Amino acid sequence: MGEEGVPKTVCAEEALNLLNCVTQSPYDQDKCINLLNSLRNCVLAKKVKKFSLAEQEQQGTKPSNQKA
């Protein structure tokens, strides 16, 4: 299946397609709704509870504004 130790990003293609759709001009609402439905179906099928960005994962629980 996948490589050992490398986490697979679940529903990444669907999420990226939706994000790119909303940035296009002119905005095609029907196309974006179809992509939203594709993403929704994927997260339901894969039982995704929450998404996070790579930057958020690296920060962990460190506060972003530390006072000296």
N, C-alpha and C. Protein backbone atom coordinates (compact mmCIF):
# COMPACT_ATOMS: atom_id res chain seq x y z
N MET A 1 0.84 -1.18 0.00
CA MET A 1 0.00 0.00 0.00
C MET A 1 0.88 1.24 0.00
N GLY A 2 0.88 2.06 1.10
CA GLY A 2 1.69 3.27 1.17
C GLY A 2 3.05 2.98 1.77
N GLU A 3 3.92 3.99 1.73
CA GLU A 3 5.24 3.82 2.31
C GLU A 3 5.14 3.85 3.83
N GLU A 4 5.96 3.06 4.49
CA GLU A 4 5.96 3.01 5.95
C GLU A 4 6.48 4.32 6.52
N GLY A 5 5.82 4.84 7.55
CA GLY A 5 6.29 6.04 8.23
C GLY A 5 5.91 7.34 7.54
N VAL A 6 5.29 7.28 6.37
CA VAL A 6 4.89 8.49 5.65
C VAL A 6 3.37 8.60 5.73
N PRO A 7 2.86 9.61 6.47
CA PRO A 7 1.41 9.74 6.57
C PRO A 7 0.80 10.15 5.24
N LYS A 8 -0.32 9.54 4.90
CA LYS A 8 -1.01 9.88 3.66
C LYS A 8 -2.01 10.99 3.95
N THR A 9 -1.98 12.00 3.12
CA THR A 9 -2.93 13.10 3.29
C THR A 9 -4.26 12.67 2.71
N VAL A 10 -5.25 12.55 3.57
CA VAL A 10 -6.57 12.06 3.18
C VAL A 10 -7.38 13.19 2.55
N CYS A 11 -7.97 12.90 1.42
CA CYS A 11 -8.85 13.83 0.70
C CYS A 11 -8.12 15.10 0.26
N ALA A 12 -6.80 15.04 0.12
CA ALA A 12 -6.03 16.22 -0.25
C ALA A 12 -6.40 16.73 -1.64
N GLU A 13 -6.56 15.83 -2.58
CA GLU A 13 -6.87 16.25 -3.95
C GLU A 13 -8.23 16.94 -4.00
N GLU A 14 -9.20 16.40 -3.30
CA GLU A 14 -10.53 17.00 -3.29
C GLU A 14 -10.51 18.39 -2.63
N ALA A 15 -9.77 18.51 -1.54
CA ALA A 15 -9.68 19.80 -0.85
C ALA A 15 -8.97 20.83 -1.73
N LEU A 16 -7.89 20.43 -2.36
CA LEU A 16 -7.14 21.34 -3.22
C LEU A 16 -7.98 21.78 -4.42
N ASN A 17 -8.71 20.86 -5.01
CA ASN A 17 -9.58 21.21 -6.14
C ASN A 17 -10.63 22.24 -5.73
N LEU A 18 -11.20 22.07 -4.56
CA LEU A 18 -12.21 23.01 -4.07
C LEU A 18 -11.59 24.39 -3.80
N LEU A 19 -10.44 24.41 -3.15
CA LEU A 19 -9.78 25.69 -2.88
C LEU A 19 -9.43 26.42 -4.17
N ASN A 20 -8.92 25.70 -5.14
CA ASN A 20 -8.59 26.33 -6.42
C ASN A 20 -9.83 26.81 -7.15
N CYS A 21 -10.93 26.11 -7.00
CA CYS A 21 -12.17 26.51 -7.64
C CYS A 21 -12.65 27.87 -7.12
N VAL A 22 -12.59 28.07 -5.82
CA VAL A 22 -13.10 29.32 -5.25
C VAL A 22 -12.21 30.52 -5.56
N THR A 23 -10.98 30.26 -6.00
CA THR A 23 -10.10 31.37 -6.35
C THR A 23 -10.21 31.78 -7.82
N GLN A 24 -10.88 30.96 -8.62
CA GLN A 24 -10.98 31.24 -10.06
C GLN A 24 -11.91 32.41 -10.33
N SER A 25 -11.57 33.14 -11.39
CA SER A 25 -12.42 34.23 -11.84
C SER A 25 -12.66 34.02 -13.33
N PRO A 26 -13.87 33.95 -13.77
CA PRO A 26 -15.09 34.12 -12.99
C PRO A 26 -15.38 32.90 -12.12
N TYR A 27 -16.06 33.16 -11.03
CA TYR A 27 -16.40 32.12 -10.06
C TYR A 27 -17.53 31.27 -10.60
N ASP A 28 -17.33 29.97 -10.66
CA ASP A 28 -18.33 29.01 -11.15
C ASP A 28 -18.91 28.28 -9.94
N GLN A 29 -20.00 28.81 -9.41
CA GLN A 29 -20.58 28.27 -8.19
C GLN A 29 -21.01 26.82 -8.34
N ASP A 30 -21.60 26.48 -9.47
CA ASP A 30 -22.05 25.09 -9.68
C ASP A 30 -20.87 24.12 -9.65
N LYS A 31 -19.78 24.48 -10.29
CA LYS A 31 -18.59 23.63 -10.29
C LYS A 31 -18.06 23.47 -8.87
N CYS A 32 -18.01 24.58 -8.12
CA CYS A 32 -17.48 24.53 -6.75
C CYS A 32 -18.39 23.71 -5.83
N ILE A 33 -19.68 23.79 -6.05
CA ILE A 33 -20.60 22.99 -5.24
C ILE A 33 -20.38 21.50 -5.51
N ASN A 34 -20.15 21.15 -6.77
CA ASN A 34 -19.86 19.75 -7.09
C ASN A 34 -18.57 19.30 -6.43
N LEU A 35 -17.55 20.17 -6.41
CA LEU A 35 -16.29 19.83 -5.77
C LEU A 35 -16.46 19.74 -4.25
N LEU A 36 -17.31 20.60 -3.69
CA LEU A 36 -17.61 20.53 -2.25
C LEU A 36 -18.27 19.20 -1.92
N ASN A 37 -19.19 18.77 -2.76
CA ASN A 37 -19.85 17.48 -2.54
C ASN A 37 -18.84 16.33 -2.64
N SER A 38 -17.89 16.43 -3.55
CA SER A 38 -16.85 15.40 -3.67
C SER A 38 -16.01 15.35 -2.40
N LEU A 39 -15.65 16.51 -1.88
CA LEU A 39 -14.87 16.56 -0.64
C LEU A 39 -15.69 16.00 0.52
N ARG A 40 -16.94 16.35 0.59
CA ARG A 40 -17.81 15.85 1.66
C ARG A 40 -17.92 14.32 1.60
N ASN A 41 -18.10 13.79 0.41
CA ASN A 41 -18.18 12.33 0.26
C ASN A 41 -16.88 11.66 0.68
N CYS A 42 -15.76 12.28 0.35
CA CYS A 42 -14.46 11.71 0.73
C CYS A 42 -14.29 11.69 2.25
N VAL A 43 -14.59 12.81 2.92
CA VAL A 43 -14.38 12.84 4.37
C VAL A 43 -15.33 11.89 5.09
N LEU A 44 -16.51 11.71 4.54
CA LEU A 44 -17.43 10.74 5.14
C LEU A 44 -16.91 9.32 4.95
N ALA A 45 -16.43 9.03 3.74
CA ALA A 45 -15.93 7.69 3.45
C ALA A 45 -14.67 7.36 4.26
N LYS A 46 -13.81 8.34 4.46
CA LYS A 46 -12.55 8.13 5.17
C LYS A 46 -12.66 8.42 6.67
N LYS A 47 -13.86 8.86 7.10
CA LYS A 47 -14.12 9.16 8.51
C LYS A 47 -13.16 10.21 9.07
N VAL A 48 -12.95 11.27 8.28
CA VAL A 48 -12.08 12.37 8.70
C VAL A 48 -12.82 13.21 9.74
N LYS A 49 -12.15 13.50 10.84
CA LYS A 49 -12.75 14.30 11.91
C LYS A 49 -12.29 15.75 11.87
N LYS A 50 -11.04 15.97 11.40
CA LYS A 50 -10.50 17.31 11.44
C LYS A 50 -9.33 17.41 10.46
N PHE A 51 -9.20 18.56 9.80
CA PHE A 51 -8.07 18.84 8.95
C PHE A 51 -7.13 19.79 9.68
N SER A 52 -5.85 19.74 9.31
CA SER A 52 -4.91 20.73 9.82
C SER A 52 -3.87 20.99 8.74
N LEU A 53 -3.24 22.16 8.82
CA LEU A 53 -2.19 22.51 7.88
C LEU A 53 -0.85 22.05 8.43
N ALA A 54 0.11 21.79 7.57
CA ALA A 54 1.43 21.32 7.99
C ALA A 54 2.06 22.30 8.97
N GLU A 55 1.90 23.61 8.74
CA GLU A 55 2.46 24.63 9.62
C GLU A 55 1.87 24.51 11.03
N GLN A 56 0.58 24.23 11.13
CA GLN A 56 -0.06 24.09 12.44
C GLN A 56 0.48 22.88 13.17
N GLU A 57 0.74 21.79 12.46
CA GLU A 57 1.26 20.58 13.09
C GLU A 57 2.66 20.81 13.63
N GLN A 58 3.48 21.60 12.92
CA GLN A 58 4.85 21.86 13.36
C GLN A 58 4.87 22.73 14.60
N GLN A 59 3.93 23.66 14.72
CA GLN A 59 3.88 24.55 15.88
C GLN A 59 3.48 23.81 17.14
N GLY A 60 2.69 22.79 16.98
CA GLY A 60 2.25 22.00 18.14
C GLY A 60 1.54 22.87 19.15
N THR A 61 1.99 22.82 20.40
CA THR A 61 1.35 23.58 21.46
C THR A 61 2.15 24.81 21.86
N LYS A 62 3.18 25.16 21.08
CA LYS A 62 3.98 26.35 21.39
C LYS A 62 3.13 27.60 21.21
N PRO A 63 3.17 28.52 22.16
CA PRO A 63 2.44 29.77 21.97
C PRO A 63 3.12 30.60 20.87
N SER A 64 2.30 31.32 20.09
CA SER A 64 2.85 32.06 18.97
C SER A 64 3.44 33.40 19.39
N ASN A 65 3.03 33.93 20.53
CA ASN A 65 3.60 35.22 20.97
C ASN A 65 4.11 35.07 22.39
N GLN A 66 5.38 34.80 22.49
CA GLN A 66 6.01 34.61 23.82
C GLN A 66 6.51 35.95 24.32
N LYS A 67 6.34 36.21 25.61
CA LYS A 67 6.86 37.43 26.24
C LYS A 67 8.13 37.10 26.97
N ALA A 68 9.11 37.98 26.84
CA ALA A 68 10.41 37.76 27.50
C ALA A 68 10.43 38.38 28.87
